[in-house]
Amino acid sequence: MVGSLPPGTPQVTAVPPPRRPLDTSDQVRRWYEKELGWPTVPGSPPGLRLGLRFDVLDVPAEAGRAALRHLAPGSPVAVRGDRMRLLVAAGSAEELPGVLSWLEWDSLPLDLTVTGEGGVMKAPAPPGSPEWAGGRPDTPQGVAVWLRPPEPGCEVEASLPTLSALGGGGDAPDLVRLLNTVATHCHRLRLRRVCRQPLAFS
């Protein structure tokens, strides 16, 4: 037969082409949606929809570290460069101006923002990703990672600071104490920057 191999010739098996690696963004999105049940939006990295399960308070990392004592152990916290993102109860974005006014911080410029319903936060790299090499988060510029990652299978809402915790005696952290601490440290950071500036003489 034409094209047949002589007896004793080893068979050559065709090597399949290498499989295309799974897109990292797909893996990250799957982790958030399947493991945590958090709604996402497509992107690289994917985005986390805010205002549904939580809002996010974005503050200088130094101010955020001072506020960690007001958070429950399971309350997720992310870092990105010199900024820290604290997850707070959904609806907190609407409450923030009133709380800061009540605390008498509304007349001062504070380096903090809160984003809620309709907003999107870039999803921090999950534990086990390349940014978590060696079990510790590495935060290259522009990449957010979890300082305190969310725990799969746990309802995140129960661990988040909320306004309703004020005087309630429940387990939820108090949003008012958190905001007061963050605002205090944001103000101290601003004063430090102002004091370091050289005086201008005319």
N, C-alpha and C. Protein backbone atom coordinates (compact mmCIF):
# COMPACT_ATOMS: atom_id res chain seq x y z
N MET A 1 0.85 -1.19 0.00
CA MET A 1 0.00 0.00 0.00
C MET A 1 0.89 1.24 0.00
N VAL A 2 0.50 2.20 -0.81
CA VAL A 2 1.28 3.43 -0.90
C VAL A 2 1.18 4.18 0.42
N GLY A 3 2.34 4.63 0.89
CA GLY A 3 2.36 5.42 2.13
C GLY A 3 2.47 4.58 3.37
N SER A 4 2.44 3.22 3.26
CA SER A 4 2.54 2.41 4.47
C SER A 4 4.00 2.33 4.89
N LEU A 5 4.23 2.17 6.20
CA LEU A 5 5.58 2.11 6.75
C LEU A 5 6.08 0.67 6.74
N PRO A 6 7.39 0.49 6.52
CA PRO A 6 7.95 -0.86 6.58
C PRO A 6 7.74 -1.46 7.96
N PRO A 7 7.65 -2.78 8.04
CA PRO A 7 7.48 -3.42 9.35
C PRO A 7 8.62 -3.03 10.29
N GLY A 8 8.30 -2.83 11.57
CA GLY A 8 9.29 -2.50 12.59
C GLY A 8 9.54 -1.01 12.75
N THR A 9 8.95 -0.19 11.87
CA THR A 9 9.12 1.26 12.01
C THR A 9 8.22 1.76 13.14
N PRO A 10 8.79 2.51 14.12
CA PRO A 10 7.94 3.00 15.24
C PRO A 10 6.89 3.98 14.75
N GLN A 11 5.74 3.88 15.36
CA GLN A 11 4.65 4.78 15.02
C GLN A 11 4.95 6.18 15.53
N VAL A 12 4.66 7.17 14.72
CA VAL A 12 4.85 8.56 15.13
C VAL A 12 3.49 9.12 15.53
N THR A 13 3.39 9.57 16.75
CA THR A 13 2.14 10.13 17.24
C THR A 13 2.16 11.64 17.07
N ALA A 14 1.11 12.15 16.52
CA ALA A 14 1.03 13.60 16.35
C ALA A 14 0.93 14.28 17.71
N VAL A 15 1.71 15.32 17.90
CA VAL A 15 1.71 16.06 19.16
C VAL A 15 0.67 17.18 19.05
N PRO A 16 -0.29 17.18 19.97
CA PRO A 16 -1.31 18.24 19.90
C PRO A 16 -0.68 19.59 20.20
N PRO A 17 -1.24 20.63 19.63
CA PRO A 17 -0.70 21.97 19.92
C PRO A 17 -0.89 22.30 21.39
N PRO A 18 -0.01 23.10 21.94
CA PRO A 18 -0.15 23.44 23.37
C PRO A 18 -1.48 24.14 23.64
N ARG A 19 -2.04 23.79 24.79
CA ARG A 19 -3.30 24.41 25.16
C ARG A 19 -3.08 25.87 25.52
N ARG A 20 -4.03 26.71 25.14
CA ARG A 20 -3.95 28.13 25.47
C ARG A 20 -4.18 28.29 26.96
N PRO A 21 -3.25 28.94 27.66
CA PRO A 21 -3.44 29.10 29.11
C PRO A 21 -4.69 29.90 29.43
N LEU A 22 -5.29 29.53 30.54
CA LEU A 22 -6.52 30.20 30.96
C LEU A 22 -6.20 31.65 31.31
N ASP A 23 -6.99 32.55 30.81
CA ASP A 23 -6.80 33.96 31.08
C ASP A 23 -6.86 34.22 32.58
N THR A 24 -5.85 34.92 33.09
CA THR A 24 -5.79 35.20 34.52
C THR A 24 -7.03 35.95 34.99
N SER A 25 -7.52 36.86 34.16
CA SER A 25 -8.72 37.61 34.53
C SER A 25 -9.92 36.69 34.72
N ASP A 26 -10.00 35.64 33.88
CA ASP A 26 -11.09 34.67 34.03
C ASP A 26 -10.97 33.92 35.35
N GLN A 27 -9.73 33.56 35.71
CA GLN A 27 -9.51 32.86 36.99
C GLN A 27 -9.90 33.74 38.16
N VAL A 28 -9.49 35.00 38.11
CA VAL A 28 -9.81 35.93 39.20
C VAL A 28 -11.32 36.14 39.29
N ARG A 29 -11.95 36.32 38.15
CA ARG A 29 -13.40 36.55 38.15
C ARG A 29 -14.15 35.34 38.69
N ARG A 30 -13.69 34.15 38.31
CA ARG A 30 -14.32 32.93 38.79
C ARG A 30 -14.19 32.82 40.31
N TRP A 31 -13.01 33.19 40.85
CA TRP A 31 -12.80 33.11 42.29
C TRP A 31 -13.79 34.01 43.02
N TYR A 32 -13.96 35.23 42.53
CA TYR A 32 -14.87 36.16 43.20
C TYR A 32 -16.33 35.70 43.07
N GLU A 33 -16.71 35.25 41.89
CA GLU A 33 -18.11 34.89 41.68
C GLU A 33 -18.47 33.54 42.30
N LYS A 34 -17.62 32.54 42.12
CA LYS A 34 -17.94 31.18 42.58
C LYS A 34 -17.60 30.98 44.05
N GLU A 35 -16.42 31.47 44.48
CA GLU A 35 -15.99 31.23 45.86
C GLU A 35 -16.64 32.20 46.85
N LEU A 36 -16.82 33.45 46.42
CA LEU A 36 -17.33 34.46 47.35
C LEU A 36 -18.76 34.88 47.07
N GLY A 37 -19.23 34.66 45.83
CA GLY A 37 -20.58 35.10 45.47
C GLY A 37 -20.67 36.60 45.28
N TRP A 38 -19.55 37.24 44.88
CA TRP A 38 -19.53 38.68 44.67
C TRP A 38 -19.74 38.98 43.19
N PRO A 39 -20.64 39.89 42.85
CA PRO A 39 -20.86 40.24 41.44
C PRO A 39 -19.67 41.01 40.88
N THR A 40 -19.29 40.69 39.64
CA THR A 40 -18.14 41.33 39.00
C THR A 40 -18.55 41.92 37.66
N VAL A 41 -17.64 42.72 37.11
CA VAL A 41 -17.78 43.23 35.75
C VAL A 41 -16.52 42.84 35.00
N PRO A 42 -16.62 42.57 33.70
CA PRO A 42 -15.44 42.15 32.94
C PRO A 42 -14.37 43.23 32.93
N GLY A 43 -13.14 42.78 32.78
CA GLY A 43 -12.01 43.70 32.70
C GLY A 43 -10.74 42.98 33.06
N SER A 44 -9.63 43.67 33.01
CA SER A 44 -8.35 43.09 33.39
C SER A 44 -7.61 44.09 34.29
N PRO A 45 -7.69 43.92 35.61
CA PRO A 45 -8.43 42.88 36.32
C PRO A 45 -9.93 43.15 36.29
N PRO A 46 -10.72 42.14 36.65
CA PRO A 46 -12.18 42.36 36.70
C PRO A 46 -12.51 43.42 37.75
N GLY A 47 -13.72 43.95 37.67
CA GLY A 47 -14.18 44.91 38.66
C GLY A 47 -15.16 44.28 39.62
N LEU A 48 -15.24 44.80 40.82
CA LEU A 48 -16.21 44.35 41.81
C LEU A 48 -17.31 45.41 41.89
N ARG A 49 -18.55 44.98 41.72
CA ARG A 49 -19.68 45.92 41.81
C ARG A 49 -19.89 46.34 43.27
N LEU A 50 -19.98 47.63 43.47
CA LEU A 50 -20.15 48.16 44.82
C LEU A 50 -21.61 48.53 45.06
N GLY A 51 -21.96 48.62 46.35
CA GLY A 51 -23.30 49.02 46.72
C GLY A 51 -24.27 47.86 46.85
N LEU A 52 -23.86 46.66 46.43
CA LEU A 52 -24.75 45.50 46.53
C LEU A 52 -24.48 44.73 47.82
N ARG A 53 -23.22 44.36 48.03
CA ARG A 53 -22.87 43.64 49.26
C ARG A 53 -22.01 44.50 50.17
N PHE A 54 -21.35 45.50 49.61
CA PHE A 54 -20.49 46.37 50.41
C PHE A 54 -20.16 47.64 49.62
N ASP A 55 -19.74 48.67 50.34
CA ASP A 55 -19.14 49.88 49.77
C ASP A 55 -17.65 49.81 50.11
N VAL A 56 -16.87 50.74 49.58
CA VAL A 56 -15.43 50.72 49.88
C VAL A 56 -14.96 52.12 50.27
N LEU A 57 -14.21 52.18 51.36
CA LEU A 57 -13.62 53.41 51.86
C LEU A 57 -12.15 53.41 51.47
N ASP A 58 -11.73 54.41 50.70
CA ASP A 58 -10.36 54.51 50.20
C ASP A 58 -9.64 55.61 50.97
N VAL A 59 -8.54 55.22 51.65
CA VAL A 59 -7.81 56.15 52.53
C VAL A 59 -6.31 55.95 52.37
N PRO A 60 -5.49 56.91 52.83
CA PRO A 60 -4.05 56.65 52.86
C PRO A 60 -3.75 55.43 53.72
N ALA A 61 -2.74 54.67 53.32
CA ALA A 61 -2.44 53.42 54.03
C ALA A 61 -2.15 53.66 55.51
N GLU A 62 -1.47 54.76 55.82
CA GLU A 62 -1.15 55.05 57.22
C GLU A 62 -2.41 55.26 58.05
N ALA A 63 -3.37 55.98 57.50
CA ALA A 63 -4.64 56.19 58.20
C ALA A 63 -5.41 54.88 58.31
N GLY A 64 -5.35 54.07 57.27
CA GLY A 64 -6.04 52.78 57.29
C GLY A 64 -5.48 51.85 58.34
N ARG A 65 -4.15 51.83 58.47
CA ARG A 65 -3.53 50.95 59.48
C ARG A 65 -3.98 51.33 60.89
N ALA A 66 -4.12 52.63 61.12
CA ALA A 66 -4.56 53.08 62.44
C ALA A 66 -5.99 52.64 62.74
N ALA A 67 -6.78 52.43 61.69
CA ALA A 67 -8.19 52.07 61.87
C ALA A 67 -8.43 50.57 61.94
N LEU A 68 -7.40 49.77 61.69
CA LEU A 68 -7.61 48.32 61.65
C LEU A 68 -8.15 47.77 62.97
N ARG A 69 -7.81 48.43 64.07
CA ARG A 69 -8.29 47.94 65.38
C ARG A 69 -9.80 48.03 65.51
N HIS A 70 -10.44 48.85 64.68
CA HIS A 70 -11.90 49.00 64.75
C HIS A 70 -12.62 47.99 63.85
N LEU A 71 -11.87 47.13 63.17
CA LEU A 71 -12.48 46.17 62.26
C LEU A 71 -12.56 44.79 62.90
N ALA A 72 -13.54 44.02 62.48
CA ALA A 72 -13.64 42.63 62.91
C ALA A 72 -12.51 41.83 62.26
N PRO A 73 -12.08 40.72 62.87
CA PRO A 73 -10.98 39.94 62.30
C PRO A 73 -11.24 39.51 60.85
N GLY A 74 -12.49 39.24 60.50
CA GLY A 74 -12.79 38.78 59.15
C GLY A 74 -13.14 39.88 58.18
N SER A 75 -12.97 41.14 58.57
CA SER A 75 -13.34 42.25 57.70
C SER A 75 -12.26 42.45 56.64
N PRO A 76 -12.59 42.29 55.34
CA PRO A 76 -11.57 42.36 54.30
C PRO A 76 -10.98 43.76 54.13
N VAL A 77 -9.67 43.80 53.90
CA VAL A 77 -8.93 45.04 53.68
C VAL A 77 -7.96 44.81 52.53
N ALA A 78 -7.93 45.73 51.57
CA ALA A 78 -7.01 45.63 50.44
C ALA A 78 -6.06 46.82 50.44
N VAL A 79 -4.88 46.62 49.84
CA VAL A 79 -3.92 47.71 49.68
C VAL A 79 -3.53 47.82 48.22
N ARG A 80 -3.27 49.06 47.81
CA ARG A 80 -2.78 49.33 46.46
C ARG A 80 -1.82 50.50 46.55
N GLY A 81 -0.53 50.21 46.44
CA GLY A 81 0.47 51.25 46.61
C GLY A 81 0.39 51.85 48.00
N ASP A 82 0.22 53.16 48.09
CA ASP A 82 0.14 53.83 49.39
C ASP A 82 -1.30 54.09 49.83
N ARG A 83 -2.25 53.37 49.23
CA ARG A 83 -3.66 53.52 49.57
C ARG A 83 -4.19 52.22 50.16
N MET A 84 -5.15 52.35 51.07
CA MET A 84 -5.80 51.19 51.66
C MET A 84 -7.29 51.29 51.39
N ARG A 85 -7.90 50.14 51.14
CA ARG A 85 -9.34 50.08 50.87
C ARG A 85 -9.99 49.22 51.94
N LEU A 86 -10.89 49.85 52.69
CA LEU A 86 -11.60 49.18 53.76
C LEU A 86 -13.03 48.92 53.30
N LEU A 87 -13.45 47.67 53.34
CA LEU A 87 -14.82 47.36 52.96
C LEU A 87 -15.74 47.74 54.12
N VAL A 88 -16.82 48.44 53.79
CA VAL A 88 -17.80 48.88 54.79
C VAL A 88 -19.18 48.45 54.31
N ALA A 89 -20.16 48.53 55.19
CA ALA A 89 -21.51 48.06 54.86
C ALA A 89 -22.08 48.80 53.67
N ALA A 90 -22.84 48.09 52.85
CA ALA A 90 -23.53 48.73 51.72
C ALA A 90 -24.42 49.84 52.24
N GLY A 91 -24.40 50.98 51.56
CA GLY A 91 -25.17 52.14 52.00
C GLY A 91 -24.33 53.16 52.76
N SER A 92 -23.10 52.79 53.13
CA SER A 92 -22.24 53.70 53.89
C SER A 92 -21.87 54.95 53.09
N ALA A 93 -21.79 54.81 51.77
CA ALA A 93 -21.42 55.96 50.94
C ALA A 93 -22.42 57.10 51.12
N GLU A 94 -23.71 56.76 51.27
CA GLU A 94 -24.73 57.79 51.47
C GLU A 94 -24.67 58.38 52.88
N GLU A 95 -24.20 57.58 53.83
CA GLU A 95 -24.16 58.04 55.22
C GLU A 95 -22.92 58.88 55.53
N LEU A 96 -21.85 58.73 54.74
CA LEU A 96 -20.56 59.34 55.08
C LEU A 96 -20.63 60.85 55.30
N PRO A 97 -21.23 61.65 54.39
CA PRO A 97 -21.24 63.10 54.63
C PRO A 97 -21.91 63.48 55.96
N GLY A 98 -23.02 62.84 56.27
CA GLY A 98 -23.71 63.14 57.52
C GLY A 98 -22.89 62.75 58.74
N VAL A 99 -22.21 61.61 58.68
CA VAL A 99 -21.40 61.16 59.81
C VAL A 99 -20.22 62.12 60.01
N LEU A 100 -19.54 62.49 58.92
CA LEU A 100 -18.40 63.41 59.04
C LEU A 100 -18.85 64.78 59.57
N SER A 101 -20.05 65.22 59.19
CA SER A 101 -20.59 66.47 59.69
C SER A 101 -20.88 66.36 61.19
N TRP A 102 -21.48 65.25 61.59
CA TRP A 102 -21.78 65.03 63.01
C TRP A 102 -20.51 64.98 63.84
N LEU A 103 -19.44 64.43 63.27
CA LEU A 103 -18.15 64.35 63.95
C LEU A 103 -17.36 65.65 63.83
N GLU A 104 -17.92 66.65 63.11
CA GLU A 104 -17.31 67.96 62.90
C GLU A 104 -16.02 67.89 62.09
N TRP A 105 -15.99 66.96 61.12
CA TRP A 105 -14.87 66.86 60.20
C TRP A 105 -15.23 67.43 58.83
N ASP A 106 -16.45 67.86 58.64
CA ASP A 106 -16.91 68.26 57.31
C ASP A 106 -16.28 69.55 56.79
N SER A 107 -15.74 70.38 57.67
CA SER A 107 -15.17 71.65 57.22
C SER A 107 -13.70 71.54 56.81
N LEU A 108 -13.11 70.37 56.98
CA LEU A 108 -11.69 70.18 56.68
C LEU A 108 -11.51 69.28 55.46
N PRO A 109 -10.50 69.56 54.63
CA PRO A 109 -10.24 68.68 53.49
C PRO A 109 -9.58 67.38 53.96
N LEU A 110 -10.24 66.28 53.71
CA LEU A 110 -9.72 64.98 54.15
C LEU A 110 -9.45 64.10 52.93
N ASP A 111 -8.34 63.41 52.97
CA ASP A 111 -7.94 62.56 51.86
C ASP A 111 -8.60 61.18 51.99
N LEU A 112 -9.92 61.18 51.90
CA LEU A 112 -10.64 59.91 51.94
C LEU A 112 -11.86 60.00 51.02
N THR A 113 -12.20 58.88 50.43
CA THR A 113 -13.39 58.79 49.58
C THR A 113 -14.10 57.49 49.87
N VAL A 114 -15.38 57.48 49.65
CA VAL A 114 -16.15 56.24 49.77
C VAL A 114 -16.99 56.09 48.51
N THR A 115 -17.02 54.89 48.00
CA THR A 115 -17.77 54.60 46.77
C THR A 115 -18.79 53.52 47.07
N GLY A 116 -20.01 53.76 46.59
CA GLY A 116 -21.08 52.81 46.85
C GLY A 116 -21.81 52.42 45.59
N GLU A 117 -23.13 52.42 45.66
CA GLU A 117 -23.99 51.92 44.59
C GLU A 117 -23.64 52.54 43.24
N GLY A 118 -23.48 51.68 42.25
CA GLY A 118 -23.14 52.12 40.90
C GLY A 118 -21.65 52.19 40.65
N GLY A 119 -20.85 52.10 41.70
CA GLY A 119 -19.40 52.17 41.56
C GLY A 119 -18.78 50.80 41.32
N VAL A 120 -17.54 50.82 40.88
CA VAL A 120 -16.79 49.59 40.61
C VAL A 120 -15.40 49.74 41.19
N MET A 121 -14.92 48.72 41.88
CA MET A 121 -13.56 48.69 42.38
C MET A 121 -12.79 47.60 41.65
N LYS A 122 -11.57 47.90 41.20
CA LYS A 122 -10.76 46.87 40.56
C LYS A 122 -10.52 45.76 41.57
N ALA A 123 -10.73 44.53 41.15
CA ALA A 123 -10.63 43.39 42.05
C ALA A 123 -9.18 43.19 42.48
N PRO A 124 -8.91 43.17 43.78
CA PRO A 124 -7.56 42.86 44.24
C PRO A 124 -7.18 41.42 43.87
N ALA A 125 -5.88 41.19 43.73
CA ALA A 125 -5.39 39.85 43.40
C ALA A 125 -5.73 38.89 44.54
N PRO A 126 -6.32 37.74 44.23
CA PRO A 126 -6.68 36.79 45.29
C PRO A 126 -5.45 36.12 45.90
N PRO A 127 -5.58 35.59 47.12
CA PRO A 127 -4.49 34.81 47.70
C PRO A 127 -4.14 33.65 46.77
N GLY A 128 -2.85 33.36 46.64
CA GLY A 128 -2.41 32.28 45.75
C GLY A 128 -2.01 32.77 44.38
N SER A 129 -2.30 34.03 44.06
CA SER A 129 -1.93 34.60 42.77
C SER A 129 -0.44 34.96 42.81
N PRO A 130 0.16 35.27 41.63
CA PRO A 130 1.60 35.62 41.62
C PRO A 130 1.96 36.76 42.57
N GLU A 131 1.03 37.69 42.79
CA GLU A 131 1.32 38.80 43.71
C GLU A 131 1.43 38.33 45.16
N TRP A 132 0.99 37.09 45.40
CA TRP A 132 1.04 36.53 46.75
C TRP A 132 2.16 35.49 46.86
N ALA A 133 3.19 35.58 46.05
CA ALA A 133 4.29 34.61 46.08
C ALA A 133 4.88 34.53 47.48
N GLY A 134 5.09 33.32 47.95
CA GLY A 134 5.66 33.12 49.28
C GLY A 134 4.68 33.34 50.40
N GLY A 135 3.39 33.49 50.08
CA GLY A 135 2.38 33.63 51.12
C GLY A 135 2.23 35.03 51.67
N ARG A 136 2.99 36.00 51.11
CA ARG A 136 2.87 37.38 51.58
C ARG A 136 2.54 38.29 50.41
N PRO A 137 1.64 39.24 50.61
CA PRO A 137 1.27 40.10 49.49
C PRO A 137 2.41 41.01 49.07
N ASP A 138 2.61 41.10 47.78
CA ASP A 138 3.54 42.05 47.20
C ASP A 138 2.70 43.05 46.42
N THR A 139 2.95 44.32 46.58
CA THR A 139 2.08 45.31 45.95
C THR A 139 2.84 46.17 44.96
N PRO A 140 3.11 45.64 43.76
CA PRO A 140 3.71 46.49 42.74
C PRO A 140 2.76 47.64 42.42
N GLN A 141 3.34 48.74 41.96
CA GLN A 141 2.53 49.93 41.70
C GLN A 141 1.36 49.60 40.78
N GLY A 142 0.18 50.00 41.20
CA GLY A 142 -1.00 49.80 40.36
C GLY A 142 -1.72 48.50 40.58
N VAL A 143 -1.14 47.57 41.35
CA VAL A 143 -1.79 46.28 41.59
C VAL A 143 -2.30 46.24 43.03
N ALA A 144 -3.57 45.95 43.19
CA ALA A 144 -4.16 45.84 44.52
C ALA A 144 -4.14 44.38 44.97
N VAL A 145 -3.84 44.16 46.24
CA VAL A 145 -3.88 42.82 46.82
C VAL A 145 -4.63 42.90 48.15
N TRP A 146 -5.05 41.75 48.64
CA TRP A 146 -5.74 41.69 49.92
C TRP A 146 -4.73 41.65 51.05
N LEU A 147 -4.81 42.61 51.97
CA LEU A 147 -4.05 42.56 53.21
C LEU A 147 -4.74 41.59 54.17
N ARG A 148 -6.06 41.70 54.21
CA ARG A 148 -6.92 40.75 54.94
C ARG A 148 -7.91 40.21 53.91
N PRO A 149 -7.63 39.05 53.33
CA PRO A 149 -8.51 38.56 52.25
C PRO A 149 -9.87 38.10 52.77
N PRO A 150 -10.89 38.18 51.92
CA PRO A 150 -12.20 37.63 52.29
C PRO A 150 -12.12 36.12 52.35
N GLU A 151 -12.94 35.53 53.19
CA GLU A 151 -12.92 34.09 53.37
C GLU A 151 -14.07 33.45 52.60
N PRO A 152 -13.75 32.54 51.65
CA PRO A 152 -14.82 31.83 50.94
C PRO A 152 -15.74 31.11 51.91
N GLY A 153 -17.02 31.16 51.62
CA GLY A 153 -18.00 30.49 52.46
C GLY A 153 -18.49 31.32 53.63
N CYS A 154 -17.92 32.50 53.84
CA CYS A 154 -18.35 33.37 54.95
C CYS A 154 -19.11 34.56 54.38
N GLU A 155 -20.18 34.91 55.04
CA GLU A 155 -20.95 36.08 54.63
C GLU A 155 -20.19 37.34 55.04
N VAL A 156 -19.75 38.11 54.07
CA VAL A 156 -18.90 39.26 54.36
C VAL A 156 -19.66 40.34 55.13
N GLU A 157 -20.97 40.45 54.91
CA GLU A 157 -21.74 41.55 55.50
C GLU A 157 -21.63 41.60 57.03
N ALA A 158 -21.57 40.44 57.67
CA ALA A 158 -21.56 40.40 59.13
C ALA A 158 -20.29 41.01 59.73
N SER A 159 -19.22 41.09 58.94
CA SER A 159 -17.94 41.59 59.46
C SER A 159 -17.69 43.05 59.14
N LEU A 160 -18.60 43.70 58.41
CA LEU A 160 -18.33 45.05 57.92
C LEU A 160 -18.80 46.14 58.87
N PRO A 161 -18.03 47.23 58.98
CA PRO A 161 -18.47 48.36 59.79
C PRO A 161 -19.80 48.93 59.26
N THR A 162 -20.70 49.22 60.19
CA THR A 162 -22.02 49.71 59.81
C THR A 162 -22.48 50.79 60.78
N LEU A 163 -23.29 51.69 60.29
CA LEU A 163 -23.81 52.76 61.14
C LEU A 163 -24.76 52.20 62.19
N SER A 164 -25.46 51.13 61.86
CA SER A 164 -26.43 50.56 62.80
C SER A 164 -25.76 49.93 64.01
N ALA A 165 -24.41 49.74 63.96
CA ALA A 165 -23.71 49.16 65.11
C ALA A 165 -23.55 50.16 66.24
N LEU A 166 -23.74 51.45 65.96
CA LEU A 166 -23.55 52.49 66.98
C LEU A 166 -24.52 52.27 68.13
N GLY A 167 -23.98 51.90 69.27
CA GLY A 167 -24.80 51.68 70.46
C GLY A 167 -25.65 50.43 70.42
N GLY A 168 -25.44 49.61 69.39
CA GLY A 168 -26.29 48.43 69.24
C GLY A 168 -25.82 47.23 70.04
N GLY A 169 -24.55 47.22 70.42
CA GLY A 169 -24.04 46.11 71.21
C GLY A 169 -23.89 44.82 70.44
N GLY A 170 -24.02 44.85 69.11
CA GLY A 170 -23.86 43.65 68.32
C GLY A 170 -22.40 43.39 68.00
N ASP A 171 -22.18 42.43 67.09
CA ASP A 171 -20.82 42.05 66.73
C ASP A 171 -20.26 42.89 65.59
N ALA A 172 -21.09 43.60 64.85
CA ALA A 172 -20.62 44.38 63.71
C ALA A 172 -19.80 45.57 64.19
N PRO A 173 -18.69 45.87 63.51
CA PRO A 173 -17.88 47.04 63.90
C PRO A 173 -18.65 48.33 63.66
N ASP A 174 -18.28 49.34 64.41
CA ASP A 174 -18.96 50.63 64.38
C ASP A 174 -18.34 51.54 63.31
N LEU A 175 -19.13 51.95 62.34
CA LEU A 175 -18.66 52.81 61.25
C LEU A 175 -18.24 54.18 61.76
N VAL A 176 -18.91 54.70 62.79
CA VAL A 176 -18.60 56.03 63.31
C VAL A 176 -17.19 56.05 63.90
N ARG A 177 -16.85 55.07 64.71
CA ARG A 177 -15.50 55.02 65.29
C ARG A 177 -14.45 54.86 64.20
N LEU A 178 -14.74 54.03 63.21
CA LEU A 178 -13.82 53.83 62.10
C LEU A 178 -13.56 55.14 61.37
N LEU A 179 -14.64 55.86 61.02
CA LEU A 179 -14.50 57.12 60.29
C LEU A 179 -13.78 58.18 61.11
N ASN A 180 -14.06 58.24 62.40
CA ASN A 180 -13.41 59.24 63.24
C ASN A 180 -11.90 59.00 63.31
N THR A 181 -11.51 57.73 63.43
CA THR A 181 -10.08 57.39 63.46
C THR A 181 -9.42 57.71 62.14
N VAL A 182 -10.05 57.32 61.04
CA VAL A 182 -9.48 57.58 59.72
C VAL A 182 -9.36 59.09 59.47
N ALA A 183 -10.41 59.84 59.79
CA ALA A 183 -10.39 61.28 59.58
C ALA A 183 -9.29 61.94 60.41
N THR A 184 -9.13 61.52 61.66
CA THR A 184 -8.09 62.07 62.52
C THR A 184 -6.72 61.88 61.90
N HIS A 185 -6.45 60.68 61.42
CA HIS A 185 -5.12 60.41 60.85
C HIS A 185 -4.94 61.06 59.48
N CYS A 186 -6.00 61.18 58.71
CA CYS A 186 -5.90 61.93 57.45
C CYS A 186 -5.53 63.38 57.73
N HIS A 187 -6.14 63.96 58.77
CA HIS A 187 -5.84 65.35 59.13
C HIS A 187 -4.39 65.49 59.60
N ARG A 188 -3.91 64.53 60.41
CA ARG A 188 -2.52 64.58 60.88
C ARG A 188 -1.55 64.48 59.71
N LEU A 189 -1.86 63.62 58.75
CA LEU A 189 -1.00 63.49 57.58
C LEU A 189 -0.94 64.80 56.80
N ARG A 190 -2.10 65.45 56.67
CA ARG A 190 -2.15 66.74 55.95
C ARG A 190 -1.32 67.79 56.68
N LEU A 191 -1.44 67.86 58.01
CA LEU A 191 -0.68 68.84 58.78
C LEU A 191 0.82 68.57 58.64
N ARG A 192 1.21 67.31 58.63
CA ARG A 192 2.61 66.96 58.47
C ARG A 192 3.16 67.44 57.13
N ARG A 193 2.34 67.25 56.08
CA ARG A 193 2.76 67.69 54.74
C ARG A 193 2.90 69.21 54.69
N VAL A 194 1.94 69.90 55.32
CA VAL A 194 1.98 71.37 55.32
C VAL A 194 3.22 71.87 56.07
N CYS A 195 3.54 71.23 57.20
CA CYS A 195 4.70 71.65 58.01
C CYS A 195 6.02 71.40 57.29
N ARG A 196 6.05 70.40 56.41
CA ARG A 196 7.29 70.10 55.69
C ARG A 196 7.55 71.06 54.54
N GLN A 197 6.51 71.77 54.09
CA GLN A 197 6.68 72.69 52.97
C GLN A 197 7.48 73.91 53.41
N PRO A 198 8.45 74.35 52.58
CA PRO A 198 9.23 75.54 52.94
C PRO A 198 8.35 76.79 52.96
N LEU A 199 8.68 77.70 53.86
CA LEU A 199 7.93 78.95 53.94
C LEU A 199 8.23 79.82 52.73
N ALA A 200 7.23 80.47 52.21
CA ALA A 200 7.41 81.35 51.06
C ALA A 200 7.53 82.79 51.56
N PHE A 201 8.65 83.42 51.24
CA PHE A 201 8.84 84.82 51.64
C PHE A 201 8.71 85.71 50.42
N SER A 202 8.01 86.82 50.58
CA SER A 202 7.86 87.74 49.43
C SER A 202 8.98 88.76 49.45
